Amino acid sequence: MNAAHKQADVIIIGAGIIGSSIAYHMSKKGISCLVLERGAAAQEATAASAGMLGAMMETDAPGPLVELAVASQARYRKLAETLFEDSGVDIEYTECGTVGVARDEAEKAALLQKCSFARDFGQRVDWIETGRLLELEPGLSPDLLGGVHIPGDHQVQSPKVALAFRTAAIRLGARFLEHTPVLRLLTEGRRVAGVETTDGSFYADHVVLAGGSWSPGLLTGLGIDLPVYPVKGQCYSAILPEGLKHTVFALKCYLMPKRDGTILVGATQEEAGFDKSPTAQGIAYLHEIAASMVPAMKKAVFVRTWTGLRPGNPQLKPFLGPVEGREGLLLATGHFRKGTLLAPITGEMLTSMVTGEALPLDPSPFTLRGHGLQ
């Protein structure tokens, strides 16, 4: 590879949905991007993602994370059209809405709290008693204590979103190198100037770390202990003849109807290192909760099971932005269960950080200092 191909304005480490979104948004601004991926593009957390756009479903209290989630969710309707024009890929944006159900008093209290704080963010989360709930989604159990309807929480196909970002970015000039692990970050004094890979060294004005659960390993050489770790999520899919009209969720499980006629059921949350093995215990756990919400799931036809490693962290909010004392280094990792939901706003914010344009939201709560680490 010649020297010109080993230089870019920005190097992005990681070609999942986050890294691909950043490459797309930066490429649209004329920034030359080189995306390096340790394996195949979008085959880790992105491939396992259900594709929920649940700004309300995935948040439990007011704060900057809700603002980030609502802002990103609002971009998807237009983004679906733009990405189709730019890539030819249909991301299957589906406005099905979401129903949250209460199986006990604790879940009821949590959903009522969600109704309260949602209003502060201009979101609709309406409490519904059991009778009306069954009219809205007839397959639900009559033993439920009621639930909420969230008409604004929709869904997409995460792998197709990542593919659309990647395809459009490449058409705009971005380069993606798969099966090219980054071994270490290259520094010039306190500045991060590039990366060393199994295919040699690459240099850029900015390096964006978007490696999901694998991100911390590249920072230890800089003396940075990033508290991002893999959280194993097991899922399965099944065919339910009656189907579902909405995504249905309880405290520890969700059922999501997909366009291919399957119901996606997920997901466990296990701190098991980098183990991706599905287990009978994990799937049985999910199936028990699924059947408590939708009794017909007991007779659903099993299709398949899979796992993914989501990048968790103690505060369950992403790391976004520069690292103090390390010029040229930007973080975009630790999105946990919200990678698909937050991909659009993450791409926009990282692009603005590079161009110097006004940011759509204040990034300070998501920096290392915002996480209480600097």
Protein backbone atom coordinates (compact mmCIF):
# COMPACT_ATOMS: atom_id res chain seq x y z
CA MET A 1 0.00 0.00 0.00
CA ASN A 2 1.48 3.33 -1.00
CA ALA A 3 2.12 6.17 1.44
CA ALA A 4 -0.89 8.20 0.29
CA HIS A 5 -3.21 5.34 1.23
CA LYS A 6 -1.74 5.25 4.73
CA GLN A 7 -2.78 8.83 5.48
CA ALA A 8 -6.27 10.21 6.16
CA ASP A 9 -7.90 13.14 7.89
CA VAL A 10 -9.50 10.75 10.38
CA ILE A 11 -8.84 7.12 11.30
CA ILE A 12 -11.84 5.35 12.83
CA ILE A 13 -11.16 2.18 14.80
CA GLY A 14 -14.19 -0.08 14.52
CA ALA A 15 -16.63 -0.70 11.65
CA GLY A 16 -19.76 -1.44 13.63
CA ILE A 17 -22.83 0.77 13.44
CA ILE A 18 -21.09 3.54 15.45
CA GLY A 19 -17.88 3.64 13.43
CA SER A 20 -19.82 3.39 10.17
CA SER A 21 -22.13 6.25 11.16
CA ILE A 22 -19.14 8.43 11.99
CA ALA A 23 -17.52 7.61 8.64
CA TYR A 24 -20.75 8.46 6.81
CA HIS A 25 -21.34 11.77 8.56
CA MET A 26 -17.70 12.83 8.20
CA SER A 27 -17.55 11.81 4.54
CA LYS A 28 -20.58 13.95 3.81
CA LYS A 29 -18.52 16.89 5.10
CA GLY A 30 -15.63 16.06 2.78
CA ILE A 31 -13.43 14.58 5.53
CA SER A 32 -11.27 11.69 4.33
CA CYS A 33 -11.88 8.66 6.57
CA LEU A 34 -10.07 5.37 6.97
CA VAL A 35 -12.02 2.78 8.97
CA LEU A 36 -10.07 -0.14 10.43
CA GLU A 37 -11.87 -3.27 11.66
CA ARG A 38 -10.31 -6.20 13.51
CA GLY A 39 -12.69 -8.68 11.85
CA ALA A 40 -15.55 -8.34 9.40
CA ALA A 41 -17.54 -5.10 9.44
CA ALA A 42 -20.57 -4.96 11.74
CA GLN A 43 -20.30 -8.57 12.91
CA GLU A 44 -20.16 -8.06 16.66
CA ALA A 45 -22.71 -6.09 18.72
CA THR A 46 -24.31 -4.64 15.59
CA ALA A 47 -25.05 -8.05 14.10
CA ALA A 48 -26.77 -9.15 17.31
CA SER A 49 -28.74 -5.94 17.87
CA ALA A 50 -32.53 -6.01 17.82
CA GLY A 51 -32.73 -2.53 16.31
CA MET A 52 -34.86 -0.82 18.95
CA LEU A 53 -35.21 2.94 18.69
CA GLY A 54 -36.43 3.14 22.26
CA ALA A 55 -35.59 6.57 23.63
CA MET A 56 -38.20 6.04 26.34
CA MET A 57 -38.01 2.27 26.59
CA GLU A 58 -34.25 2.36 27.14
CA THR A 59 -34.09 5.18 29.69
CA ASP A 60 -35.36 5.33 33.24
CA ALA A 61 -34.70 8.82 34.56
CA PRO A 62 -34.30 12.40 33.31
CA GLY A 63 -30.85 13.57 32.30
CA PRO A 64 -28.41 14.12 29.44
CA LEU A 65 -28.72 10.53 28.22
CA VAL A 66 -32.45 10.97 27.58
CA GLU A 67 -31.77 14.19 25.69
CA LEU A 68 -29.18 12.39 23.56
CA ALA A 69 -31.54 9.46 22.93
CA VAL A 70 -34.53 11.62 21.99
CA ALA A 71 -32.43 13.75 19.64
CA SER A 72 -31.00 10.70 17.88
CA GLN A 73 -34.34 8.91 17.63
CA ALA A 74 -35.90 11.97 15.99
CA ARG A 75 -33.37 11.79 13.16
CA TYR A 76 -34.28 8.28 11.99
CA ARG A 77 -37.38 9.01 9.90
CA LYS A 78 -35.50 11.40 7.59
CA LEU A 79 -32.30 9.37 7.86
CA ALA A 80 -34.06 6.27 6.49
CA GLU A 81 -34.92 8.20 3.33
CA THR A 82 -31.50 9.82 2.99
CA LEU A 83 -29.62 6.58 3.53
CA PHE A 84 -31.72 4.85 0.88
CA GLU A 85 -30.86 7.63 -1.57
CA ASP A 86 -27.17 7.53 -0.64
CA SER A 87 -26.72 3.75 -0.42
CA GLY A 88 -29.71 1.95 -1.97
CA VAL A 89 -30.18 0.05 1.32
CA ASP A 90 -33.60 -0.09 3.01
CA ILE A 91 -32.94 0.00 6.77
CA GLU A 92 -36.50 -1.22 7.47
CA TYR A 93 -37.50 1.75 9.57
CA THR A 94 -40.82 0.64 11.05
CA GLU A 95 -43.12 2.87 13.08
CA CYS A 96 -44.76 0.14 15.14
CA GLY A 97 -44.61 1.79 18.55
CA THR A 98 -43.87 0.00 21.79
CA VAL A 99 -45.92 -1.44 24.64
CA GLY A 100 -44.41 -1.87 28.09
CA VAL A 101 -46.16 -4.26 30.46
CA ALA A 102 -46.27 -4.61 34.23
CA ARG A 103 -46.17 -8.15 35.58
CA ASP A 104 -45.94 -7.03 39.20
CA GLU A 105 -46.16 -3.92 41.35
CA ALA A 106 -42.46 -3.10 40.99
CA GLU A 107 -42.71 -3.06 37.20
CA LYS A 108 -45.90 -1.00 37.42
CA ALA A 109 -44.16 1.61 39.57
CA ALA A 110 -41.24 1.79 37.12
CA LEU A 111 -43.57 2.31 34.16
CA LEU A 112 -45.57 4.99 35.97
CA GLN A 113 -42.32 6.81 36.69
CA LYS A 114 -41.49 6.58 32.99
CA CYS A 115 -44.84 8.23 32.18
CA SER A 116 -43.96 11.11 34.46
CA PHE A 117 -40.48 11.97 33.22
CA ALA A 118 -41.37 11.41 29.55
CA ARG A 119 -43.58 14.50 29.56
CA ASP A 120 -40.57 16.66 30.44
CA PHE A 121 -39.00 15.62 27.14
CA GLY A 122 -42.07 16.05 24.99
CA GLN A 123 -42.58 12.30 24.70
CA ARG A 124 -45.84 10.37 24.93
CA VAL A 125 -45.89 7.49 27.40
CA ASP A 126 -49.49 6.73 28.30
CA TRP A 127 -50.54 4.42 31.13
CA ILE A 128 -53.17 1.89 30.04
CA GLU A 129 -55.23 -0.39 32.24
CA THR A 130 -55.28 -4.11 31.44
CA GLY A 131 -58.56 -4.17 29.49
CA ARG A 132 -57.48 -1.42 27.11
CA LEU A 133 -54.01 -2.93 26.91
CA LEU A 134 -55.47 -6.18 25.56
CA GLU A 135 -57.42 -4.23 22.95
CA LEU A 136 -54.20 -2.58 21.84
CA GLU A 137 -52.23 -5.85 21.76
CA PRO A 138 -54.63 -8.85 21.95
CA GLY A 139 -51.93 -11.47 22.52
CA LEU A 140 -50.93 -10.13 25.93
CA SER A 141 -51.65 -12.00 29.14
CA PRO A 142 -54.84 -10.97 31.00
CA ASP A 143 -52.88 -11.37 34.27
CA LEU A 144 -50.83 -8.23 33.59
CA LEU A 145 -51.33 -5.22 35.86
CA GLY A 146 -51.55 -2.82 32.94
CA GLY A 147 -48.86 -1.14 30.92
CA VAL A 148 -47.77 1.81 28.83
CA HIS A 149 -48.06 2.71 25.18
CA ILE A 150 -45.04 4.50 23.67
CA PRO A 151 -46.06 5.43 20.12
CA GLY A 152 -42.75 7.17 19.36
CA ASP A 153 -40.42 4.20 20.03
CA HIS A 154 -39.90 2.42 16.71
CA GLN A 155 -37.39 0.00 15.17
CA VAL A 156 -34.94 -0.69 12.33
CA GLN A 157 -32.74 -3.58 11.20
CA SER A 158 -29.38 -2.75 12.77
CA PRO A 159 -27.17 -4.70 10.35
CA LYS A 160 -28.88 -2.93 7.45
CA VAL A 161 -28.36 0.46 9.08
CA ALA A 162 -24.65 -0.30 9.43
CA LEU A 163 -24.52 -1.54 5.83
CA ALA A 164 -26.25 1.61 4.61
CA PHE A 165 -23.83 3.86 6.53
CA ARG A 166 -20.86 1.89 5.24
CA THR A 167 -22.03 1.72 1.62
CA ALA A 168 -22.84 5.44 1.52
CA ALA A 169 -19.55 6.35 3.19
CA ILE A 170 -17.58 4.33 0.65
CA ARG A 171 -19.46 6.01 -2.20
CA LEU A 172 -18.42 9.33 -0.65
CA GLY A 173 -14.77 8.32 -0.56
CA ALA A 174 -14.27 6.58 2.80
CA ARG A 175 -12.03 3.51 2.93
CA PHE A 176 -12.82 0.43 5.03
CA LEU A 177 -10.10 -2.12 5.81
CA GLU A 178 -11.55 -5.26 7.37
CA HIS A 179 -9.49 -7.98 9.10
CA THR A 180 -6.94 -5.32 10.02
CA PRO A 181 -6.54 -5.29 13.82
CA VAL A 182 -5.11 -2.17 15.41
CA LEU A 183 -2.22 -3.17 17.66
CA ARG A 184 -1.52 0.17 19.32
CA LEU A 185 -2.00 3.91 19.07
CA LEU A 186 0.96 5.89 17.73
CA THR A 187 1.92 9.05 19.58
CA GLU A 188 4.06 12.10 18.96
CA GLY A 189 4.59 13.59 22.38
CA ARG A 190 1.10 13.92 23.89
CA ARG A 191 -0.59 13.80 20.49
CA VAL A 192 -2.14 10.64 19.03
CA ALA A 193 -0.92 10.69 15.43
CA GLY A 194 -2.03 7.34 14.07
CA VAL A 195 -2.19 3.61 14.62
CA GLU A 196 -0.04 0.54 14.14
CA THR A 197 -1.88 -2.41 12.59
CA THR A 198 -1.10 -5.88 11.30
CA ASP A 199 -0.83 -4.19 7.88
CA GLY A 200 1.57 -1.47 8.94
CA SER A 201 1.18 2.05 10.34
CA PHE A 202 -1.46 4.61 9.36
CA TYR A 203 -1.49 8.31 10.20
CA ALA A 204 -4.22 10.93 10.61
CA ASP A 205 -5.02 14.27 12.20
CA HIS A 206 -7.64 12.56 14.39
CA VAL A 207 -8.12 9.01 15.62
CA VAL A 208 -11.61 7.96 16.73
CA LEU A 209 -11.85 4.94 19.00
CA ALA A 210 -15.16 3.20 18.23
CA GLY A 211 -14.17 -0.37 19.01
CA GLY A 212 -17.02 -1.30 21.33
CA SER A 213 -16.07 -3.85 23.97
CA TRP A 214 -12.54 -4.05 22.57
CA SER A 215 -11.81 -0.35 23.06
CA PRO A 216 -10.06 -0.37 26.48
CA GLY A 217 -7.13 -2.48 25.30
CA LEU A 218 -5.91 0.27 23.00
CA LEU A 219 -5.89 2.88 25.77
CA THR A 220 -3.86 1.04 28.39
CA GLY A 221 -0.65 1.99 26.58
CA LEU A 222 -1.59 5.63 27.15
CA GLY A 223 -2.18 5.05 30.85
CA ILE A 224 -5.97 5.33 30.47
CA ASP A 225 -8.18 2.78 32.22
CA LEU A 226 -11.46 2.93 30.30
CA PRO A 227 -14.23 1.11 32.23
CA VAL A 228 -15.88 -0.45 29.18
CA TYR A 229 -16.53 -4.18 29.32
CA PRO A 230 -18.48 -6.80 27.34
CA VAL A 231 -22.03 -7.56 28.43
CA LYS A 232 -23.24 -10.77 26.85
CA GLY A 233 -26.73 -10.69 25.39
CA GLN A 234 -28.44 -13.89 24.34
CA CYS A 235 -31.43 -13.71 21.99
CA TYR A 236 -33.68 -16.05 20.07
CA SER A 237 -36.27 -15.74 17.36
CA ALA A 238 -39.51 -17.64 16.83
CA ILE A 239 -42.58 -17.67 14.64
CA LEU A 240 -45.81 -16.74 16.38
CA PRO A 241 -48.80 -17.34 14.07
CA GLU A 242 -50.87 -14.60 15.69
CA GLY A 243 -47.96 -12.17 15.48
CA LEU A 244 -47.63 -8.90 17.39
CA LYS A 245 -48.51 -5.35 16.41
CA HIS A 246 -45.98 -3.65 18.68
CA THR A 247 -42.66 -4.27 20.33
CA VAL A 248 -43.57 -5.56 23.80
CA PHE A 249 -41.23 -5.25 26.75
CA ALA A 250 -41.04 -5.97 30.46
CA LEU A 251 -38.24 -5.21 32.87
CA LYS A 252 -35.81 -7.87 31.60
CA CYS A 253 -37.14 -8.98 28.24
CA TYR A 254 -38.58 -7.70 24.97
CA LEU A 255 -40.43 -9.22 22.02
CA MET A 256 -40.04 -7.46 18.68
CA PRO A 257 -42.00 -8.35 15.52
CA LYS A 258 -39.86 -8.22 12.38
CA ARG A 259 -40.88 -7.83 8.75
CA ASP A 260 -39.89 -11.40 7.94
CA GLY A 261 -42.64 -12.66 10.27
CA THR A 262 -40.40 -13.68 13.16
CA ILE A 263 -40.55 -12.47 16.74
CA LEU A 264 -37.15 -11.50 18.14
CA VAL A 265 -36.83 -12.17 21.88
CA GLY A 266 -33.99 -10.71 23.93
CA ALA A 267 -31.85 -10.17 25.72
CA THR A 268 -29.91 -11.45 28.69
CA GLN A 269 -27.37 -9.22 30.43
CA GLU A 270 -24.40 -11.31 31.54
CA GLU A 271 -20.90 -10.21 32.50
CA ALA A 272 -19.12 -13.26 31.12
CA GLY A 273 -16.06 -11.74 29.51
CA PHE A 274 -15.78 -12.34 25.78
CA ASP A 275 -17.68 -15.63 25.88
CA LYS A 276 -20.35 -15.63 23.16
CA SER A 277 -21.66 -19.16 23.68
CA PRO A 278 -25.46 -19.43 23.82
CA THR A 279 -26.77 -21.44 26.75
CA ALA A 280 -29.96 -23.40 27.35
CA GLN A 281 -30.32 -21.62 30.70
CA GLY A 282 -30.17 -18.18 29.10
CA ILE A 283 -32.71 -18.96 26.40
CA ALA A 284 -35.01 -20.69 28.90
CA TYR A 285 -34.84 -17.59 31.11
CA LEU A 286 -35.92 -15.35 28.24
CA HIS A 287 -38.62 -17.75 27.10
CA GLU A 288 -40.18 -17.89 30.56
CA ILE A 289 -40.51 -14.10 30.70
CA ALA A 290 -41.73 -13.93 27.09
CA ALA A 291 -44.48 -16.44 27.79
CA SER A 292 -45.53 -14.53 30.91
CA MET A 293 -46.18 -11.52 28.69
CA VAL A 294 -47.55 -13.32 25.62
CA PRO A 295 -48.85 -16.80 26.56
CA ALA A 296 -48.92 -17.97 22.92
CA MET A 297 -45.10 -17.88 22.97
CA LYS A 298 -45.27 -21.29 24.68
CA LYS A 299 -46.29 -22.76 21.32
CA ALA A 300 -44.19 -20.52 19.07
CA VAL A 301 -41.97 -22.25 16.51
CA PHE A 302 -38.31 -21.83 17.41
CA VAL A 303 -36.10 -20.40 14.62
CA ARG A 304 -32.59 -19.66 15.96
CA THR A 305 -30.51 -18.24 18.78
CA TRP A 306 -27.46 -15.93 18.87
CA THR A 307 -25.40 -13.76 21.19
CA GLY A 308 -23.69 -10.39 21.10
CA LEU A 309 -21.25 -8.49 23.30
CA ARG A 310 -22.51 -5.01 24.11
CA PRO A 311 -19.99 -2.44 25.41
CA GLY A 312 -21.20 -1.74 28.94
CA ASN A 313 -19.89 0.71 31.52
CA PRO A 314 -20.81 1.63 35.10
CA GLN A 315 -22.89 4.69 34.16
CA LEU A 316 -24.58 3.02 31.14
CA LYS A 317 -23.95 6.06 28.95
CA PRO A 318 -21.48 6.35 26.07
CA PHE A 319 -18.04 7.90 26.05
CA LEU A 320 -18.04 10.66 23.44
CA GLY A 321 -15.42 13.26 22.69
CA PRO A 322 -11.79 14.22 23.22
CA VAL A 323 -9.43 12.92 25.87
CA GLU A 324 -7.77 15.66 27.91
CA GLY A 325 -4.03 15.70 27.38
CA ARG A 326 -4.22 13.47 24.30
CA GLU A 327 -4.67 15.75 21.32
CA GLY A 328 -6.10 14.08 18.24
CA LEU A 329 -7.85 11.26 20.14
CA LEU A 330 -11.65 11.03 20.24
CA LEU A 331 -13.82 8.44 21.96
CA ALA A 332 -17.06 6.98 20.61
CA THR A 333 -17.65 3.83 22.58
CA GLY A 334 -19.54 2.32 25.52
CA HIS A 335 -23.03 2.69 24.02
CA PHE A 336 -24.20 -0.53 25.75
CA ARG A 337 -27.74 -1.39 24.50
CA LYS A 338 -28.20 1.90 22.69
CA GLY A 339 -25.72 1.69 19.83
CA THR A 340 -28.35 1.61 17.09
CA LEU A 341 -30.47 4.27 18.78
CA LEU A 342 -27.52 6.63 19.30
CA ALA A 343 -25.65 6.01 16.04
CA PRO A 344 -27.02 9.06 14.15
CA ILE A 345 -26.34 11.61 16.88
CA THR A 346 -22.93 10.06 17.61
CA GLY A 347 -21.94 10.46 13.98
CA GLU A 348 -23.08 14.07 13.97
CA MET A 349 -21.35 14.97 17.23
CA LEU A 350 -18.00 13.41 16.35
CA THR A 351 -18.09 15.11 12.96
CA SER A 352 -18.74 18.50 14.58
CA MET A 353 -15.84 17.93 16.95
CA VAL A 354 -13.53 17.49 13.98
CA THR A 355 -14.90 20.34 11.84
CA GLY A 356 -15.29 22.77 14.72
CA GLU A 357 -18.94 23.40 13.91
CA ALA A 358 -21.57 23.86 16.60
CA LEU A 359 -22.50 20.60 18.28
CA PRO A 360 -26.15 19.52 18.37
CA LEU A 361 -25.89 18.78 22.11
CA ASP A 362 -23.48 19.44 24.97
CA PRO A 363 -20.97 16.55 24.97
CA SER A 364 -19.53 17.25 28.42
CA PRO A 365 -21.65 14.63 30.29
CA PHE A 366 -20.18 11.95 27.99
CA THR A 367 -16.48 12.81 28.23
CA LEU A 368 -14.10 11.03 30.59
CA ARG A 369 -14.56 13.92 33.01
CA GLY A 370 -18.34 13.63 32.61
CA HIS A 371 -17.97 10.00 33.70
CA GLY A 372 -15.97 11.17 36.73
CA LEU A 373 -12.68 9.78 35.38
CA GLN A 374 -10.53 12.92 34.84
